Amino acid sequence: MARKHHTPRAGTESHGLRRRPVRIRNDSYHFEELVHAAQIIILQRTDSPNVASAAAYWIAELATREYTSLGPNCPLKPLHTATATLAIARWALNEKIDAWDRYIGYAGSITKIVSDAPYRPDQRAFGKTGEINYALAAFSVWFADQRPKLQEAAAAAEHAHLNALAAELHQTIE
């Protein structure tokens, strides 16, 4: 039996007691933006370092590569926002998290995204405490310099658009 094609739905909108479906545009870049917004929400809300690390990894992957898995007519384009960098940095600077995890998972994800990274992650650094601590210190200095610019960019250019995307997911971005 052939399946009918349905437009994807993000959920419902409430108008008094009636609820009606909210339609999402059938647009691969829009879907990519929704994924990005969801990843930021995850980084801002989760208490799990493992969940945050996975979100940071995929933010870096989607920011640095062009994916054509949806076919040649709808490639995903690299997508990066200052808001995502700020959300990942919160984890990178959390000294309660193991230094290696911060080096490779959080700060490492940011260093893959930005052009002026203070270091490039190296899997061979595992167990080399001095090298890891030096890289994390360099990251902290770099981020202290970049934070005001990132906050300004996030507030000025991104906040309204990302929150519109988050609203489609019935969430907000801080």
N, C-alpha and C. Protein backbone atom coordinates (compact mmCIF):
# COMPACT_ATOMS: atom_id res chain seq x y z
N MET A 1 0.84 -1.17 0.00
CA MET A 1 0.00 0.00 0.00
C MET A 1 0.89 1.24 0.00
N ALA A 2 0.64 2.15 -0.90
CA ALA A 2 1.43 3.37 -0.99
C ALA A 2 1.12 4.30 0.17
N ARG A 3 2.16 4.91 0.68
CA ARG A 3 1.98 5.86 1.80
C ARG A 3 1.77 7.25 1.23
N LYS A 4 0.90 7.99 1.86
CA LYS A 4 0.69 9.37 1.47
C LYS A 4 1.84 10.21 2.00
N HIS A 5 2.26 11.20 1.23
CA HIS A 5 3.30 12.12 1.69
C HIS A 5 2.65 13.16 2.60
N HIS A 6 3.19 13.30 3.78
CA HIS A 6 2.69 14.29 4.72
C HIS A 6 3.76 15.31 5.01
N THR A 7 3.35 16.55 5.17
CA THR A 7 4.28 17.59 5.58
C THR A 7 4.64 17.35 7.03
N PRO A 8 5.93 17.39 7.39
CA PRO A 8 6.33 17.16 8.78
C PRO A 8 5.70 18.19 9.70
N ARG A 9 5.41 17.74 10.93
CA ARG A 9 4.84 18.64 11.93
C ARG A 9 5.78 18.72 13.12
N ALA A 10 5.89 19.90 13.70
CA ALA A 10 6.74 20.10 14.87
C ALA A 10 5.96 19.92 16.14
N GLY A 11 4.67 19.88 16.07
CA GLY A 11 3.87 19.78 17.29
C GLY A 11 2.56 20.50 17.08
N THR A 12 2.08 21.13 18.13
CA THR A 12 0.83 21.85 18.03
C THR A 12 0.96 23.23 18.63
N GLU A 13 0.09 24.12 18.18
CA GLU A 13 0.00 25.46 18.71
C GLU A 13 -1.28 25.54 19.51
N SER A 14 -1.23 26.18 20.65
CA SER A 14 -2.42 26.27 21.48
C SER A 14 -3.11 27.61 21.27
N HIS A 15 -4.39 27.58 20.98
CA HIS A 15 -5.22 28.78 20.87
C HIS A 15 -6.44 28.54 21.74
N GLY A 16 -6.38 28.96 22.99
CA GLY A 16 -7.47 28.67 23.91
C GLY A 16 -7.50 27.18 24.17
N LEU A 17 -8.64 26.57 23.97
CA LEU A 17 -8.77 25.12 24.20
C LEU A 17 -8.48 24.32 22.94
N ARG A 18 -8.46 24.99 21.79
CA ARG A 18 -8.18 24.29 20.53
C ARG A 18 -6.69 24.21 20.29
N ARG A 19 -6.27 23.11 19.74
CA ARG A 19 -4.87 22.95 19.36
C ARG A 19 -4.84 22.63 17.88
N ARG A 20 -3.93 23.27 17.16
CA ARG A 20 -3.81 22.98 15.73
C ARG A 20 -2.35 22.66 15.42
N PRO A 21 -2.13 21.84 14.41
CA PRO A 21 -0.75 21.48 14.05
C PRO A 21 0.06 22.69 13.61
N VAL A 22 1.33 22.65 13.95
CA VAL A 22 2.29 23.66 13.47
C VAL A 22 3.07 22.99 12.35
N ARG A 23 3.08 23.59 11.20
CA ARG A 23 3.77 23.01 10.05
C ARG A 23 5.21 23.51 9.99
N ILE A 24 6.12 22.62 9.67
CA ILE A 24 7.51 22.98 9.43
C ILE A 24 7.72 22.98 7.93
N ARG A 25 8.43 23.99 7.45
CA ARG A 25 8.74 24.03 6.02
C ARG A 25 9.54 22.79 5.66
N ASN A 26 9.26 22.24 4.50
CA ASN A 26 10.01 21.09 4.01
C ASN A 26 11.27 21.61 3.33
N ASP A 27 12.24 22.02 4.12
CA ASP A 27 13.43 22.71 3.66
C ASP A 27 14.60 22.15 4.45
N SER A 28 15.58 21.54 3.77
CA SER A 28 16.67 20.87 4.48
C SER A 28 17.47 21.84 5.35
N TYR A 29 17.68 23.07 4.88
CA TYR A 29 18.43 24.03 5.70
C TYR A 29 17.65 24.39 6.95
N HIS A 30 16.33 24.51 6.82
CA HIS A 30 15.50 24.78 7.99
C HIS A 30 15.61 23.63 9.00
N PHE A 31 15.57 22.41 8.51
CA PHE A 31 15.74 21.26 9.40
C PHE A 31 17.10 21.28 10.08
N GLU A 32 18.13 21.65 9.30
CA GLU A 32 19.47 21.75 9.86
C GLU A 32 19.51 22.79 10.97
N GLU A 33 18.85 23.92 10.76
CA GLU A 33 18.79 24.96 11.78
C GLU A 33 18.04 24.47 13.03
N LEU A 34 16.99 23.69 12.82
CA LEU A 34 16.25 23.13 13.96
C LEU A 34 17.15 22.18 14.77
N VAL A 35 17.93 21.36 14.08
CA VAL A 35 18.87 20.46 14.76
C VAL A 35 19.87 21.28 15.57
N HIS A 36 20.39 22.34 14.97
CA HIS A 36 21.36 23.20 15.64
C HIS A 36 20.74 23.81 16.90
N ALA A 37 19.54 24.32 16.77
CA ALA A 37 18.85 24.90 17.93
C ALA A 37 18.65 23.84 19.03
N ALA A 38 18.27 22.64 18.62
CA ALA A 38 18.09 21.55 19.60
C ALA A 38 19.40 21.22 20.30
N GLN A 39 20.49 21.22 19.56
CA GLN A 39 21.80 20.93 20.17
C GLN A 39 22.17 22.00 21.20
N ILE A 40 21.90 23.25 20.89
CA ILE A 40 22.17 24.33 21.85
C ILE A 40 21.30 24.15 23.09
N ILE A 41 20.04 23.84 22.90
CA ILE A 41 19.13 23.61 24.03
C ILE A 41 19.66 22.48 24.91
N ILE A 42 20.11 21.42 24.29
CA ILE A 42 20.67 20.28 25.04
C ILE A 42 21.86 20.74 25.86
N LEU A 43 22.79 21.46 25.24
CA LEU A 43 23.98 21.94 25.96
C LEU A 43 23.61 22.86 27.12
N GLN A 44 22.58 23.66 26.96
CA GLN A 44 22.19 24.59 28.00
C GLN A 44 21.42 23.92 29.13
N ARG A 45 20.75 22.81 28.84
CA ARG A 45 19.85 22.23 29.85
C ARG A 45 20.31 20.93 30.48
N THR A 46 21.17 20.19 29.81
CA THR A 46 21.53 18.88 30.35
C THR A 46 22.48 19.02 31.54
N ASP A 47 22.42 18.02 32.42
CA ASP A 47 23.38 17.92 33.52
C ASP A 47 24.39 16.81 33.24
N SER A 48 24.24 16.14 32.12
CA SER A 48 25.08 15.00 31.79
C SER A 48 26.25 15.40 30.91
N PRO A 49 27.48 15.23 31.41
CA PRO A 49 28.64 15.52 30.57
C PRO A 49 28.69 14.69 29.29
N ASN A 50 28.22 13.45 29.35
CA ASN A 50 28.23 12.60 28.15
C ASN A 50 27.27 13.12 27.08
N VAL A 51 26.10 13.56 27.49
CA VAL A 51 25.13 14.12 26.55
C VAL A 51 25.67 15.41 25.97
N ALA A 52 26.24 16.25 26.83
CA ALA A 52 26.80 17.53 26.36
C ALA A 52 27.96 17.30 25.40
N SER A 53 28.79 16.32 25.68
CA SER A 53 29.92 16.03 24.81
C SER A 53 29.44 15.58 23.42
N ALA A 54 28.42 14.76 23.38
CA ALA A 54 27.88 14.32 22.10
C ALA A 54 27.30 15.50 21.32
N ALA A 55 26.57 16.37 22.00
CA ALA A 55 26.01 17.56 21.33
C ALA A 55 27.14 18.45 20.81
N ALA A 56 28.18 18.65 21.62
CA ALA A 56 29.32 19.48 21.20
C ALA A 56 30.00 18.87 19.98
N TYR A 57 30.17 17.57 19.99
CA TYR A 57 30.80 16.88 18.85
C TYR A 57 30.01 17.14 17.57
N TRP A 58 28.68 16.96 17.63
CA TRP A 58 27.87 17.12 16.43
C TRP A 58 27.75 18.57 16.00
N ILE A 59 27.80 19.49 16.94
CA ILE A 59 27.83 20.91 16.55
C ILE A 59 29.10 21.17 15.73
N ALA A 60 30.23 20.65 16.21
CA ALA A 60 31.49 20.84 15.48
C ALA A 60 31.44 20.16 14.12
N GLU A 61 30.89 18.97 14.05
CA GLU A 61 30.80 18.26 12.77
C GLU A 61 29.94 19.03 11.78
N LEU A 62 28.79 19.50 12.23
CA LEU A 62 27.88 20.21 11.33
C LEU A 62 28.39 21.61 10.99
N ALA A 63 29.30 22.13 11.79
CA ALA A 63 29.86 23.45 11.52
C ALA A 63 31.01 23.39 10.53
N THR A 64 31.59 22.22 10.35
CA THR A 64 32.81 22.16 9.56
C THR A 64 32.70 21.30 8.30
N ARG A 65 31.59 20.67 8.08
CA ARG A 65 31.47 19.79 6.91
C ARG A 65 30.20 20.07 6.14
N GLU A 66 30.25 19.74 4.86
CA GLU A 66 29.04 19.76 4.05
C GLU A 66 28.57 18.33 3.91
N TYR A 67 27.34 18.09 4.28
CA TYR A 67 26.77 16.75 4.20
C TYR A 67 25.82 16.69 3.01
N THR A 68 25.91 15.63 2.25
CA THR A 68 25.01 15.45 1.12
C THR A 68 24.23 14.15 1.27
N SER A 69 24.07 13.68 2.48
CA SER A 69 23.39 12.41 2.71
C SER A 69 21.91 12.46 2.33
N LEU A 70 21.35 13.67 2.23
CA LEU A 70 19.96 13.79 1.84
C LEU A 70 19.80 13.81 0.32
N GLY A 71 20.90 13.71 -0.38
CA GLY A 71 20.87 13.72 -1.83
C GLY A 71 21.51 14.98 -2.39
N PRO A 72 21.81 14.96 -3.67
CA PRO A 72 22.51 16.08 -4.29
C PRO A 72 21.68 17.37 -4.34
N ASN A 73 20.38 17.26 -4.25
CA ASN A 73 19.53 18.45 -4.34
C ASN A 73 19.30 19.15 -3.00
N CYS A 74 19.76 18.55 -1.92
CA CYS A 74 19.55 19.21 -0.63
C CYS A 74 20.72 18.97 0.32
N PRO A 75 21.89 19.47 -0.05
CA PRO A 75 23.03 19.31 0.86
C PRO A 75 22.90 20.20 2.09
N LEU A 76 23.44 19.72 3.19
CA LEU A 76 23.49 20.54 4.39
C LEU A 76 24.75 21.39 4.32
N LYS A 77 24.63 22.62 4.70
CA LYS A 77 25.76 23.54 4.66
C LYS A 77 26.35 23.69 6.05
N PRO A 78 27.64 24.01 6.15
CA PRO A 78 28.22 24.25 7.47
C PRO A 78 27.44 25.34 8.20
N LEU A 79 27.13 25.10 9.45
CA LEU A 79 26.33 26.01 10.26
C LEU A 79 27.03 26.20 11.60
N HIS A 80 27.30 27.44 11.94
CA HIS A 80 27.95 27.74 13.21
C HIS A 80 27.39 29.03 13.77
N THR A 81 27.19 29.06 15.09
CA THR A 81 26.73 30.28 15.74
C THR A 81 27.56 30.56 16.98
N ALA A 82 27.64 31.82 17.34
CA ALA A 82 28.32 32.22 18.57
C ALA A 82 27.60 31.63 19.78
N THR A 83 26.28 31.52 19.68
CA THR A 83 25.49 30.95 20.78
C THR A 83 25.92 29.52 21.06
N ALA A 84 26.19 28.74 20.02
CA ALA A 84 26.65 27.36 20.21
C ALA A 84 28.03 27.34 20.85
N THR A 85 28.91 28.22 20.39
CA THR A 85 30.25 28.29 20.98
C THR A 85 30.18 28.62 22.46
N LEU A 86 29.33 29.56 22.83
CA LEU A 86 29.16 29.91 24.25
C LEU A 86 28.61 28.73 25.05
N ALA A 87 27.68 28.01 24.47
CA ALA A 87 27.09 26.86 25.18
C ALA A 87 28.11 25.75 25.39
N ILE A 88 28.96 25.51 24.40
CA ILE A 88 30.00 24.49 24.55
C ILE A 88 31.06 24.96 25.55
N ALA A 89 31.42 26.23 25.49
CA ALA A 89 32.47 26.77 26.37
C ALA A 89 32.12 26.62 27.85
N ARG A 90 30.84 26.71 28.16
CA ARG A 90 30.42 26.50 29.55
C ARG A 90 30.91 25.15 30.07
N TRP A 91 30.86 24.15 29.22
CA TRP A 91 31.33 22.81 29.59
C TRP A 91 32.85 22.73 29.56
N ALA A 92 33.47 23.39 28.59
CA ALA A 92 34.93 23.35 28.46
C ALA A 92 35.62 23.96 29.67
N LEU A 93 34.98 24.92 30.30
CA LEU A 93 35.58 25.62 31.43
C LEU A 93 35.21 25.02 32.79
N ASN A 94 34.38 23.99 32.78
CA ASN A 94 33.92 23.36 34.02
C ASN A 94 35.02 22.43 34.56
N GLU A 95 35.71 22.88 35.58
CA GLU A 95 36.85 22.12 36.11
C GLU A 95 36.44 20.87 36.90
N LYS A 96 35.14 20.67 37.10
CA LYS A 96 34.67 19.44 37.74
C LYS A 96 34.70 18.27 36.75
N ILE A 97 34.81 18.60 35.48
CA ILE A 97 34.87 17.58 34.43
C ILE A 97 36.33 17.24 34.18
N ASP A 98 36.60 15.97 33.94
CA ASP A 98 37.95 15.47 33.66
C ASP A 98 38.63 16.32 32.59
N ALA A 99 39.92 16.64 32.81
CA ALA A 99 40.68 17.49 31.90
C ALA A 99 40.71 16.93 30.48
N TRP A 100 40.90 15.63 30.34
CA TRP A 100 40.93 15.02 29.01
C TRP A 100 39.60 15.24 28.29
N ASP A 101 38.49 15.03 28.99
CA ASP A 101 37.18 15.22 28.38
C ASP A 101 36.97 16.67 27.95
N ARG A 102 37.43 17.60 28.76
CA ARG A 102 37.32 19.02 28.40
C ARG A 102 38.22 19.34 27.20
N TYR A 103 39.43 18.79 27.21
CA TYR A 103 40.41 19.02 26.14
C TYR A 103 39.89 18.51 24.80
N ILE A 104 39.42 17.29 24.77
CA ILE A 104 39.06 16.66 23.50
C ILE A 104 37.59 16.89 23.14
N GLY A 105 36.69 16.86 24.14
CA GLY A 105 35.26 16.90 23.87
C GLY A 105 34.64 18.27 23.75
N TYR A 106 35.06 19.19 24.59
CA TYR A 106 34.40 20.51 24.61
C TYR A 106 35.30 21.57 23.98
N ALA A 107 36.42 21.88 24.61
CA ALA A 107 37.33 22.86 24.02
C ALA A 107 37.78 22.37 22.64
N GLY A 108 37.99 21.07 22.53
CA GLY A 108 38.38 20.49 21.25
C GLY A 108 37.35 20.71 20.16
N SER A 109 36.07 20.62 20.52
CA SER A 109 35.01 20.88 19.54
C SER A 109 35.05 22.33 19.07
N ILE A 110 35.26 23.25 20.01
CA ILE A 110 35.34 24.66 19.64
C ILE A 110 36.55 24.92 18.75
N THR A 111 37.67 24.30 19.08
CA THR A 111 38.88 24.54 18.28
C THR A 111 38.74 24.03 16.85
N LYS A 112 37.85 23.08 16.62
CA LYS A 112 37.59 22.61 15.26
C LYS A 112 36.77 23.62 14.47
N ILE A 113 35.98 24.43 15.18
CA ILE A 113 35.05 25.36 14.54
C ILE A 113 35.71 26.69 14.20
N VAL A 114 36.50 27.21 15.11
CA VAL A 114 37.04 28.57 14.96
C VAL A 114 38.35 28.56 14.16
N SER A 115 38.63 29.67 13.51
CA SER A 115 39.84 29.75 12.69
C SER A 115 41.08 30.12 13.51
N ASP A 116 40.89 30.77 14.65
CA ASP A 116 42.03 31.22 15.45
C ASP A 116 42.17 30.41 16.74
N ALA A 117 42.00 29.11 16.63
CA ALA A 117 42.02 28.23 17.80
C ALA A 117 43.35 28.30 18.55
N PRO A 118 43.30 28.25 19.88
CA PRO A 118 44.54 28.30 20.67
C PRO A 118 45.33 26.99 20.62
N TYR A 119 44.71 25.90 20.20
CA TYR A 119 45.38 24.61 20.02
C TYR A 119 44.52 23.75 19.11
N ARG A 120 45.08 22.70 18.60
CA ARG A 120 44.33 21.71 17.82
C ARG A 120 44.35 20.41 18.61
N PRO A 121 43.18 19.82 18.84
CA PRO A 121 43.13 18.60 19.63
C PRO A 121 43.95 17.47 18.99
N ASP A 122 44.60 16.72 19.84
CA ASP A 122 45.46 15.63 19.38
C ASP A 122 45.19 14.41 20.25
N GLN A 123 44.65 13.36 19.66
CA GLN A 123 44.36 12.12 20.40
C GLN A 123 45.61 11.55 21.07
N ARG A 124 46.78 11.83 20.52
CA ARG A 124 48.02 11.31 21.09
C ARG A 124 48.38 11.97 22.42
N ALA A 125 47.67 13.04 22.78
CA ALA A 125 47.95 13.73 24.05
C ALA A 125 47.35 12.99 25.25
N PHE A 126 46.57 11.93 24.99
CA PHE A 126 45.95 11.20 26.09
C PHE A 126 47.00 10.78 27.12
N GLY A 127 46.74 11.10 28.37
CA GLY A 127 47.65 10.75 29.45
C GLY A 127 48.77 11.75 29.68
N LYS A 128 48.92 12.71 28.80
CA LYS A 128 49.97 13.72 28.95
C LYS A 128 49.38 14.94 29.67
N THR A 129 49.32 14.85 30.97
CA THR A 129 48.65 15.84 31.80
C THR A 129 49.17 17.25 31.56
N GLY A 130 50.48 17.42 31.50
CA GLY A 130 51.05 18.75 31.29
C GLY A 130 50.61 19.38 29.99
N GLU A 131 50.63 18.60 28.91
CA GLU A 131 50.23 19.08 27.60
C GLU A 131 48.74 19.45 27.57
N ILE A 132 47.93 18.61 28.19
CA ILE A 132 46.49 18.86 28.24
C ILE A 132 46.20 20.12 29.06
N ASN A 133 46.83 20.23 30.23
CA ASN A 133 46.60 21.40 31.08
C ASN A 133 47.07 22.69 30.40
N TYR A 134 48.19 22.62 29.69
CA TYR A 134 48.69 23.78 28.96
C TYR A 134 47.67 24.21 27.88
N ALA A 135 47.14 23.24 27.15
CA ALA A 135 46.16 23.53 26.11
C ALA A 135 44.88 24.12 26.70
N LEU A 136 44.44 23.57 27.83
CA LEU A 136 43.23 24.10 28.47
C LEU A 136 43.45 25.51 29.00
N ALA A 137 44.64 25.79 29.51
CA ALA A 137 44.96 27.15 29.97
C ALA A 137 44.96 28.11 28.78
N ALA A 138 45.53 27.68 27.67
CA ALA A 138 45.53 28.51 26.46
C ALA A 138 44.10 28.75 25.98
N PHE A 139 43.26 27.72 26.07
CA PHE A 139 41.86 27.87 25.69
C PHE A 139 41.17 28.89 26.59
N SER A 140 41.41 28.82 27.88
CA SER A 140 40.79 29.76 28.83
C SER A 140 41.16 31.20 28.51
N VAL A 141 42.42 31.44 28.21
CA VAL A 141 42.88 32.78 27.85
C VAL A 141 42.21 33.22 26.54
N TRP A 142 42.22 32.35 25.55
CA TRP A 142 41.60 32.65 24.26
C TRP A 142 40.12 32.98 24.46
N PHE A 143 39.42 32.15 25.25
CA PHE A 143 37.98 32.35 25.43
C PHE A 143 37.69 33.63 26.20
N ALA A 144 38.50 33.97 27.18
CA ALA A 144 38.30 35.22 27.92
C ALA A 144 38.35 36.41 26.96
N ASP A 145 39.22 36.34 25.97
CA ASP A 145 39.32 37.40 24.96
C ASP A 145 38.13 37.37 24.00
N GLN A 146 37.68 36.19 23.63
CA GLN A 146 36.61 36.03 22.64
C GLN A 146 35.20 36.19 23.21
N ARG A 147 35.03 35.90 24.49
CA ARG A 147 33.69 35.89 25.10
C ARG A 147 32.89 37.16 24.80
N PRO A 148 33.42 38.37 25.02
CA PRO A 148 32.60 39.56 24.75
C PRO A 148 32.13 39.64 23.30
N LYS A 149 33.00 39.29 22.36
CA LYS A 149 32.63 39.30 20.94
C LYS A 149 31.55 38.27 20.64
N LEU A 150 31.70 37.09 21.23
CA LEU A 150 30.71 36.03 21.03
C LEU A 150 29.36 36.43 21.63
N GLN A 151 29.38 37.01 22.83
CA GLN A 151 28.14 37.42 23.48
C GLN A 151 27.45 38.51 22.66
N GLU A 152 28.23 39.44 22.13
CA GLU A 152 27.67 40.51 21.31
C GLU A 152 27.05 39.94 20.04
N ALA A 153 27.76 39.03 19.39
CA ALA A 153 27.24 38.41 18.17
C ALA A 153 25.98 37.59 18.45
N ALA A 154 25.99 36.87 19.54
CA ALA A 154 24.84 36.06 19.89
C ALA A 154 23.62 36.93 20.17
N ALA A 155 23.83 38.00 20.91
CA ALA A 155 22.73 38.88 21.27
C ALA A 155 22.21 39.66 20.07
N ALA A 156 23.13 40.18 19.27
CA ALA A 156 22.74 41.06 18.18
C ALA A 156 22.12 40.32 16.99
N ALA A 157 22.76 39.26 16.57
CA ALA A 157 22.37 38.66 15.31
C ALA A 157 21.64 37.34 15.42
N GLU A 158 21.84 36.62 16.49
CA GLU A 158 21.36 35.23 16.53
C GLU A 158 20.17 34.98 17.44
N HIS A 159 20.09 35.70 18.52
CA HIS A 159 19.15 35.35 19.58
C HIS A 159 17.70 35.23 19.08
N ALA A 160 17.23 36.22 18.36
CA ALA A 160 15.83 36.19 17.90
C ALA A 160 15.58 35.01 16.97
N HIS A 161 16.48 34.78 16.02
CA HIS A 161 16.28 33.69 15.07
C HIS A 161 16.35 32.32 15.76
N LEU A 162 17.34 32.14 16.63
CA LEU A 162 17.45 30.85 17.33
C LEU A 162 16.26 30.60 18.23
N ASN A 163 15.73 31.64 18.86
CA ASN A 163 14.55 31.45 19.70
C ASN A 163 13.30 31.18 18.88
N ALA A 164 13.23 31.71 17.67
CA ALA A 164 12.11 31.37 16.78
C ALA A 164 12.18 29.89 16.41
N LEU A 165 13.39 29.40 16.15
CA LEU A 165 13.57 27.98 15.88
C LEU A 165 13.23 27.15 17.12
N ALA A 166 13.72 27.59 18.27
CA ALA A 166 13.45 26.87 19.52
C ALA A 166 11.95 26.82 19.81
N ALA A 167 11.24 27.88 19.46
CA ALA A 167 9.79 27.90 19.68
C ALA A 167 9.09 26.81 18.89
N GLU A 168 9.63 26.48 17.70
CA GLU A 168 9.07 25.39 16.93
C GLU A 168 9.25 24.05 17.65
N LEU A 169 10.25 24.02 18.53
CA LEU A 169 10.50 22.81 19.33
C LEU A 169 9.89 22.94 20.72
N HIS A 170 9.11 24.01 20.90
CA HIS A 170 8.45 24.31 22.20
C HIS A 170 9.48 24.53 23.31
N GLN A 171 10.56 25.22 22.97
CA GLN A 171 11.65 25.50 23.91
C GLN A 171 12.09 26.95 23.76
N THR A 172 13.02 27.38 24.60
CA THR A 172 13.67 28.67 24.46
C THR A 172 15.17 28.49 24.61
N ILE A 173 15.92 29.41 24.05
CA ILE A 173 17.38 29.40 24.17
C ILE A 173 17.77 30.57 25.04
N GLU A 174 18.62 30.31 26.01
CA GLU A 174 19.03 31.36 26.94
C GLU A 174 20.06 32.26 26.33
